[in-house]
Amino acid sequence: MKKIMLAVCFFPLFAVSAAQEKLPPLPAPVSNNAVAILKTGKHEEIFSFMGIGPKKTWDSITNEAYSLAWPSGQWTELRAVPGPAGRVGASAISVRKQILLLGGYAVDGQGGEMTVRDVSVYEPETRRWYRGTDLPIPIDDSVVGVYRDRYLYVISGWSKQDAIASVQVYDVQKNIWVQATPIPGTPVFGHAGGIVDDTIVYVNGAHKNPVGNPPYVASDECWIGKIDHKDPTKIQWRSLPPHPGSARYRIAAGPSESDRKIYFSGGTDNPYNLTGIGYDGRPAEPSPVTFAFNVRSGEWETVTENTPDPTMDHRGLLVIRDSLVILGGMEKGQQVTAKMQRIPKK
């Protein structure tokens, strides 16, 4: 009987230790970095591109790029992202064994911001960058997802003067951009979501305050879209009930094909720009809630209400086997971190 009891007790201890296992930190602290994962057979490689450093000023925005073979590798510095300056608010995603890095905005020394339409393609096999076909509409702080390993969806986001409702779709096979059914809700930026099968889910973000002060406020809207199987430009949208926790901005989010869920973690209920200080003048702090949308059941699920060391200011979350992996971000006190955090799915 004692031997049986020992075996039963051992598994939870092992699960806890695996969840707390230290992962190699990024080579430098960075926040708002675009992240992606490329899966080839049983092997996975993860990537981090650009973002902003600990000073959180225009001159700490970087164009550096890194990769790591999961889970036993170490970070390797790649050729810098093409272009004269680094960006924040960009998005990265893997399509057909390549990484597409798109959009974002550059900041100059006078505080001016320029949203870009650039699309850069990184080919891991040759470790080279190529120029892709530009976005029709420049965009930053958007949500991206891939359907059938062919169609890249760029959903809402900020463009020049305001958030837009457009859904831009890139057909990788034909190398063309087209416009899909726009979102029916309030156009937002800094929202979070992804695509699983034919289903798009996105939540929250920020939008202009109709009252005027502060200039931007968090959105509490959640939406689901079904992509038409015959025409990928047609999307049937409907609203979703509120997710667990409060409305948030710049949550880390990513899809999981294996269990047909889209996971969300961190973010803040107080929108801000670069520094982590809200548009209302109050310091923004990260939420400890991690949750998921179950595409199969059509319901929200709470993963944990007390995520250790929660973070905000993200451009994505990577789902690797039984874990959610978050790279960098801002911790409590608006501190930019180099940590690579693993959160168990269950």
Protein backbone atom coordinates (compact mmCIF):
# COMPACT_ATOMS: atom_id res chain seq x y z
CA MET A 1 0.00 0.00 0.00
CA LYS A 2 2.83 2.44 0.80
CA LYS A 3 4.39 1.87 -2.61
CA ILE A 4 1.09 2.63 -4.35
CA MET A 5 0.64 5.83 -2.35
CA LEU A 6 4.16 6.94 -3.27
CA ALA A 7 3.47 6.47 -6.97
CA VAL A 8 0.21 8.43 -6.77
CA CYS A 9 1.88 11.34 -4.97
CA PHE A 10 4.83 11.48 -7.34
CA PHE A 11 2.92 12.60 -10.45
CA PRO A 12 1.63 15.93 -9.12
CA LEU A 13 5.10 16.78 -7.85
CA PHE A 14 6.56 16.00 -11.27
CA ALA A 15 3.90 18.11 -12.99
CA VAL A 16 4.64 21.07 -10.75
CA SER A 17 8.39 20.81 -11.27
CA ALA A 18 7.95 20.59 -15.05
CA ALA A 19 5.75 23.69 -15.02
CA GLN A 20 8.34 25.58 -12.97
CA GLU A 21 11.31 24.40 -15.03
CA LYS A 22 13.50 27.37 -15.94
CA LEU A 23 13.65 28.14 -19.64
CA PRO A 24 16.50 30.08 -21.27
CA PRO A 25 15.70 33.82 -21.11
CA LEU A 26 15.79 35.95 -24.22
CA PRO A 27 19.24 37.43 -24.96
CA ALA A 28 17.92 40.86 -23.88
CA PRO A 29 14.80 42.14 -22.11
CA VAL A 30 12.14 43.01 -24.68
CA SER A 31 8.43 43.80 -24.79
CA ASN A 32 5.89 44.06 -27.61
CA ASN A 33 8.00 41.64 -29.63
CA ALA A 34 6.40 39.70 -32.49
CA VAL A 35 6.62 35.94 -31.85
CA ALA A 36 6.04 32.82 -33.93
CA ILE A 37 6.57 29.06 -33.89
CA LEU A 38 7.52 26.83 -36.79
CA LYS A 39 6.77 23.11 -36.48
CA THR A 40 8.58 20.62 -38.69
CA GLY A 41 7.69 17.02 -37.89
CA LYS A 42 8.48 16.50 -34.21
CA HIS A 43 10.71 19.56 -34.05
CA GLU A 44 9.73 23.10 -33.09
CA GLU A 45 11.61 26.36 -33.47
CA ILE A 46 10.41 29.56 -31.85
CA PHE A 47 11.16 33.13 -32.93
CA SER A 48 11.17 36.61 -31.43
CA PHE A 49 11.35 39.73 -33.61
CA MET A 50 11.84 43.41 -32.75
CA GLY A 51 10.05 45.08 -29.79
CA ILE A 52 11.06 47.65 -27.19
CA GLY A 53 13.78 47.49 -24.52
CA PRO A 54 13.85 48.39 -20.81
CA LYS A 55 14.13 52.16 -21.34
CA LYS A 56 10.76 52.10 -23.18
CA THR A 57 11.82 55.06 -25.32
CA TRP A 58 11.86 55.46 -29.10
CA ASP A 59 15.59 54.72 -29.25
CA SER A 60 15.18 51.42 -27.39
CA ILE A 61 12.97 49.98 -30.14
CA THR A 62 14.99 47.23 -31.79
CA ASN A 63 15.12 45.32 -35.08
CA GLU A 64 16.88 42.32 -33.52
CA ALA A 65 15.69 38.78 -34.23
CA TYR A 66 16.28 35.51 -32.36
CA SER A 67 15.39 31.83 -32.64
CA LEU A 68 15.48 28.83 -30.30
CA ALA A 69 15.07 25.10 -30.96
CA TRP A 70 12.47 23.85 -28.48
CA PRO A 71 12.97 22.74 -25.79
CA SER A 72 16.68 22.01 -25.40
CA GLY A 73 18.30 24.70 -27.53
CA GLN A 74 19.76 28.09 -26.74
CA TRP A 75 18.83 31.42 -28.28
CA THR A 76 20.60 32.26 -31.55
CA GLU A 77 20.78 35.77 -32.96
CA LEU A 78 19.53 35.96 -36.54
CA ARG A 79 20.10 38.57 -39.21
CA ALA A 80 18.30 41.74 -38.15
CA VAL A 81 14.84 42.44 -39.50
CA PRO A 82 15.18 44.39 -42.80
CA GLY A 83 14.54 48.11 -42.71
CA PRO A 84 16.17 51.21 -41.25
CA ALA A 85 14.44 51.03 -37.87
CA GLY A 86 12.86 48.61 -35.45
CA ARG A 87 9.13 48.45 -34.84
CA VAL A 88 6.53 47.71 -32.22
CA GLY A 89 2.99 46.50 -32.84
CA ALA A 90 4.14 44.10 -35.59
CA SER A 91 2.80 40.55 -36.06
CA ALA A 92 4.58 37.30 -36.93
CA ILE A 93 3.15 33.95 -38.01
CA SER A 94 4.34 30.77 -39.75
CA VAL A 95 2.91 29.80 -43.14
CA ARG A 96 4.24 27.03 -45.37
CA LYS A 97 7.53 26.62 -43.51
CA GLN A 98 8.25 30.34 -43.59
CA ILE A 99 7.73 33.18 -41.11
CA LEU A 100 5.79 36.24 -42.24
CA LEU A 101 6.52 39.41 -40.27
CA LEU A 102 4.14 42.25 -41.05
CA GLY A 103 3.05 45.73 -40.10
CA GLY A 104 3.86 47.55 -36.89
CA TYR A 105 4.93 51.13 -36.35
CA ALA A 106 8.21 53.00 -36.09
CA VAL A 107 8.78 55.93 -33.71
CA ASP A 108 11.10 58.90 -34.21
CA GLY A 109 12.87 61.15 -31.71
CA GLN A 110 10.09 63.77 -31.84
CA GLY A 111 7.43 61.25 -30.84
CA GLY A 112 6.08 60.83 -34.35
CA GLU A 113 4.73 57.38 -35.27
CA MET A 114 4.51 55.77 -38.70
CA THR A 115 2.44 52.65 -39.30
CA VAL A 116 3.96 50.54 -42.08
CA ARG A 117 2.66 48.17 -44.74
CA ASP A 118 5.88 46.13 -44.87
CA VAL A 119 5.80 42.34 -45.12
CA SER A 120 9.11 40.54 -44.57
CA VAL A 121 9.50 36.81 -45.14
CA TYR A 122 12.04 34.83 -43.14
CA GLU A 123 13.14 31.45 -44.50
CA PRO A 124 14.55 29.32 -41.64
CA GLU A 125 16.25 26.80 -43.95
CA THR A 126 18.48 29.42 -45.56
CA ARG A 127 18.38 31.89 -42.65
CA ARG A 128 17.58 34.67 -45.13
CA TRP A 129 15.07 37.51 -45.33
CA TYR A 130 12.99 38.28 -48.42
CA ARG A 131 10.68 41.18 -49.22
CA GLY A 132 7.04 40.09 -49.29
CA THR A 133 4.03 41.71 -50.94
CA ASP A 134 3.08 44.84 -49.00
CA LEU A 135 -0.15 45.08 -47.03
CA PRO A 136 -2.83 47.03 -48.94
CA ILE A 137 -3.53 49.05 -45.77
CA PRO A 138 -0.71 49.78 -43.29
CA ILE A 139 -1.52 48.25 -39.91
CA ASP A 140 -0.21 47.78 -36.39
CA ASP A 141 -1.48 46.19 -33.18
CA SER A 142 -3.61 43.79 -35.22
CA VAL A 143 -4.68 40.14 -34.80
CA VAL A 144 -3.39 37.58 -37.31
CA GLY A 145 -4.22 33.96 -38.06
CA VAL A 146 -3.80 31.34 -40.79
CA TYR A 147 -6.49 29.22 -42.46
CA ARG A 148 -5.65 26.03 -44.40
CA ASP A 149 -1.93 26.93 -44.31
CA ARG A 150 -2.68 29.25 -47.20
CA TYR A 151 -4.74 32.27 -46.18
CA LEU A 152 -3.33 34.84 -43.74
CA TYR A 153 -5.97 37.00 -42.02
CA VAL A 154 -5.10 40.43 -40.60
CA ILE A 155 -8.01 41.51 -38.44
CA SER A 156 -8.69 45.16 -37.52
CA GLY A 157 -5.87 47.17 -35.88
CA TRP A 158 -4.54 50.73 -36.00
CA SER A 159 -3.88 52.46 -39.33
CA LYS A 160 -2.47 56.01 -39.45
CA GLN A 161 -5.20 58.00 -37.65
CA ASP A 162 -7.56 55.43 -36.11
CA ALA A 163 -8.45 51.77 -35.76
CA ILE A 164 -10.07 50.22 -38.83
CA ALA A 165 -12.68 47.48 -39.34
CA SER A 166 -10.90 45.94 -42.34
CA VAL A 167 -9.97 42.27 -42.56
CA GLN A 168 -7.08 41.90 -45.00
CA VAL A 169 -6.42 38.41 -46.41
CA TYR A 170 -3.21 37.28 -48.06
CA ASP A 171 -3.41 34.28 -50.39
CA VAL A 172 0.09 32.84 -50.03
CA GLN A 173 -0.38 30.51 -53.01
CA LYS A 174 -1.42 33.27 -55.43
CA ASN A 175 0.66 35.99 -53.75
CA ILE A 176 -2.22 38.48 -53.63
CA TRP A 177 -4.05 40.48 -50.97
CA VAL A 178 -7.85 40.70 -50.90
CA GLN A 179 -10.40 42.22 -48.54
CA ALA A 180 -12.71 40.00 -46.47
CA THR A 181 -15.91 40.75 -44.55
CA PRO A 182 -14.99 43.54 -42.11
CA ILE A 183 -15.56 43.17 -38.39
CA PRO A 184 -19.06 44.31 -37.34
CA GLY A 185 -18.05 45.61 -33.92
CA THR A 186 -16.05 48.63 -32.84
CA PRO A 187 -12.70 48.84 -34.68
CA VAL A 188 -9.91 48.24 -32.16
CA PHE A 189 -6.15 47.99 -31.76
CA GLY A 190 -4.13 45.96 -29.26
CA HIS A 191 -6.79 43.24 -29.27
CA ALA A 192 -5.94 39.53 -29.09
CA GLY A 193 -7.07 36.30 -30.75
CA GLY A 194 -6.36 33.68 -33.37
CA ILE A 195 -7.75 31.13 -35.81
CA VAL A 196 -8.48 27.44 -35.20
CA ASP A 197 -9.89 25.44 -38.14
CA ASP A 198 -12.37 27.82 -39.81
CA THR A 199 -13.02 29.87 -36.66
CA ILE A 200 -11.69 33.33 -35.82
CA VAL A 201 -11.94 34.59 -32.24
CA TYR A 202 -10.74 37.97 -31.00
CA VAL A 203 -11.33 39.95 -27.82
CA ASN A 204 -11.03 43.43 -26.34
CA GLY A 205 -8.29 45.89 -27.40
CA ALA A 206 -8.70 49.65 -27.24
CA HIS A 207 -10.58 52.31 -29.19
CA LYS A 208 -11.04 56.07 -29.18
CA ASN A 209 -12.97 57.35 -26.20
CA PRO A 210 -16.17 59.07 -27.43
CA VAL A 211 -16.07 61.26 -24.30
CA GLY A 212 -12.52 62.33 -25.14
CA ASN A 213 -10.56 61.93 -21.91
CA PRO A 214 -8.64 59.69 -21.66
CA PRO A 215 -8.26 59.51 -25.44
CA TYR A 216 -8.45 55.69 -25.58
CA VAL A 217 -10.31 53.15 -23.47
CA ALA A 218 -10.48 49.35 -23.31
CA SER A 219 -13.13 47.52 -25.32
CA ASP A 220 -15.21 44.79 -23.69
CA GLU A 221 -16.32 43.28 -27.02
CA CYS A 222 -15.64 39.63 -27.94
CA TRP A 223 -16.31 38.29 -31.44
CA ILE A 224 -16.30 34.99 -33.31
CA GLY A 225 -16.18 34.63 -37.09
CA LYS A 226 -16.81 31.58 -39.27
CA ILE A 227 -14.88 31.49 -42.54
CA ASP A 228 -16.89 30.30 -45.55
CA HIS A 229 -15.42 27.04 -46.87
CA LYS A 230 -16.03 28.01 -50.50
CA ASP A 231 -15.06 31.67 -50.29
CA PRO A 232 -12.37 32.58 -47.72
CA THR A 233 -13.23 36.28 -48.06
CA LYS A 234 -16.68 35.71 -46.55
CA ILE A 235 -16.86 35.65 -42.75
CA GLN A 236 -20.02 35.25 -40.68
CA TRP A 237 -19.53 37.26 -37.49
CA ARG A 238 -21.41 37.16 -34.20
CA SER A 239 -20.70 38.51 -30.75
CA LEU A 240 -19.58 36.36 -27.83
CA PRO A 241 -20.37 36.74 -24.12
CA PRO A 242 -17.64 38.31 -21.95
CA HIS A 243 -14.55 36.21 -21.28
CA PRO A 244 -13.24 35.46 -17.76
CA GLY A 245 -11.70 38.54 -16.14
CA SER A 246 -11.99 42.19 -17.12
CA ALA A 247 -11.69 43.77 -20.58
CA ARG A 248 -8.02 43.91 -21.52
CA TYR A 249 -5.40 45.29 -23.87
CA ARG A 250 -2.33 43.65 -25.43
CA ILE A 251 -3.08 40.18 -24.07
CA ALA A 252 -0.81 37.31 -25.14
CA ALA A 253 -2.93 34.97 -27.30
CA GLY A 254 -2.39 31.97 -29.54
CA PRO A 255 -4.25 29.03 -31.13
CA SER A 256 -3.94 25.33 -30.29
CA GLU A 257 -4.97 22.96 -33.08
CA SER A 258 -4.58 19.82 -30.94
CA ASP A 259 -7.39 20.70 -28.51
CA ARG A 260 -9.14 23.28 -30.73
CA LYS A 261 -8.75 26.14 -28.30
CA ILE A 262 -7.45 29.69 -28.42
CA TYR A 263 -5.57 30.70 -25.28
CA PHE A 264 -5.24 34.13 -23.69
CA SER A 265 -3.01 35.29 -20.83
CA GLY A 266 -2.10 38.56 -19.13
CA GLY A 267 -2.69 41.98 -20.65
CA THR A 268 -4.04 44.97 -18.76
CA ASP A 269 -7.36 46.77 -18.32
CA ASN A 270 -5.62 50.16 -18.72
CA PRO A 271 -4.56 50.92 -22.33
CA TYR A 272 -1.22 52.72 -22.87
CA ASN A 273 1.29 53.37 -25.63
CA LEU A 274 5.00 52.57 -25.10
CA THR A 275 5.80 53.16 -21.44
CA GLY A 276 3.16 51.13 -19.64
CA ILE A 277 1.65 54.31 -18.21
CA GLY A 278 -2.01 54.46 -19.18
CA TYR A 279 -3.57 57.14 -21.34
CA ASP A 280 -5.33 58.18 -18.12
CA GLY A 281 -1.98 58.79 -16.40
CA ARG A 282 -2.20 55.72 -14.15
CA PRO A 283 0.42 52.93 -14.32
CA ALA A 284 -0.94 49.86 -16.11
CA GLU A 285 -0.57 46.51 -14.36
CA PRO A 286 -0.90 42.98 -15.81
CA SER A 287 -3.87 40.71 -15.16
CA PRO A 288 -3.14 37.29 -13.57
CA VAL A 289 -5.98 35.57 -15.45
CA THR A 290 -5.28 32.96 -18.15
CA PHE A 291 -8.29 31.67 -20.08
CA ALA A 292 -9.28 29.94 -23.32
CA PHE A 293 -12.08 29.77 -25.85
CA ASN A 294 -13.07 26.20 -26.66
CA VAL A 295 -14.02 26.13 -30.35
CA ARG A 296 -15.57 22.69 -29.99
CA SER A 297 -17.96 23.62 -27.17
CA GLY A 298 -18.26 27.32 -28.00
CA GLU A 299 -17.55 28.30 -24.40
CA TRP A 300 -14.98 30.20 -22.36
CA GLU A 301 -12.78 28.29 -19.93
CA THR A 302 -10.63 29.60 -17.08
CA VAL A 303 -7.15 28.04 -17.08
CA THR A 304 -6.02 29.86 -13.93
CA GLU A 305 -6.97 33.02 -12.08
CA ASN A 306 -3.50 33.30 -10.54
CA THR A 307 -0.88 33.06 -13.26
CA PRO A 308 2.58 33.36 -11.64
CA ASP A 309 4.45 36.54 -12.61
CA PRO A 310 1.78 37.83 -15.04
CA THR A 311 2.82 40.05 -17.94
CA MET A 312 1.35 42.45 -20.49
CA ASP A 313 2.36 44.24 -23.71
CA HIS A 314 2.34 41.16 -25.93
CA ARG A 315 2.06 40.38 -29.62
CA GLY A 316 1.34 36.69 -29.20
CA LEU A 317 1.50 33.48 -27.21
CA LEU A 318 2.93 30.16 -28.40
CA VAL A 319 1.20 26.85 -27.68
CA ILE A 320 3.79 24.06 -27.53
CA ARG A 321 2.45 20.62 -26.65
CA ASP A 322 1.00 20.86 -23.13
CA SER A 323 2.27 24.38 -22.40
CA LEU A 324 1.60 28.02 -23.15
CA VAL A 325 4.87 29.88 -23.73
CA ILE A 326 5.24 33.64 -23.31
CA LEU A 327 8.36 35.50 -24.41
CA GLY A 328 9.29 38.77 -22.73
CA GLY A 329 6.69 41.46 -22.00
CA MET A 330 6.15 43.84 -19.10
CA GLU A 331 5.89 42.55 -15.56
CA LYS A 332 4.41 44.35 -12.55
CA GLY A 333 5.71 47.88 -12.21
CA GLN A 334 5.98 48.14 -16.04
CA GLN A 335 9.33 46.33 -15.99
CA VAL A 336 10.47 44.91 -19.33
CA THR A 337 11.62 41.31 -18.91
CA ALA A 338 13.72 38.76 -20.78
CA LYS A 339 11.90 35.85 -19.13
CA MET A 340 10.55 32.95 -21.12
CA GLN A 341 7.54 31.72 -19.17
CA ARG A 342 5.78 28.38 -19.43
CA ILE A 343 2.15 28.05 -18.25
CA PRO A 344 0.55 24.56 -18.15
CA LYS A 345 -2.59 24.25 -20.28
CA LYS A 346 -4.44 22.66 -17.38
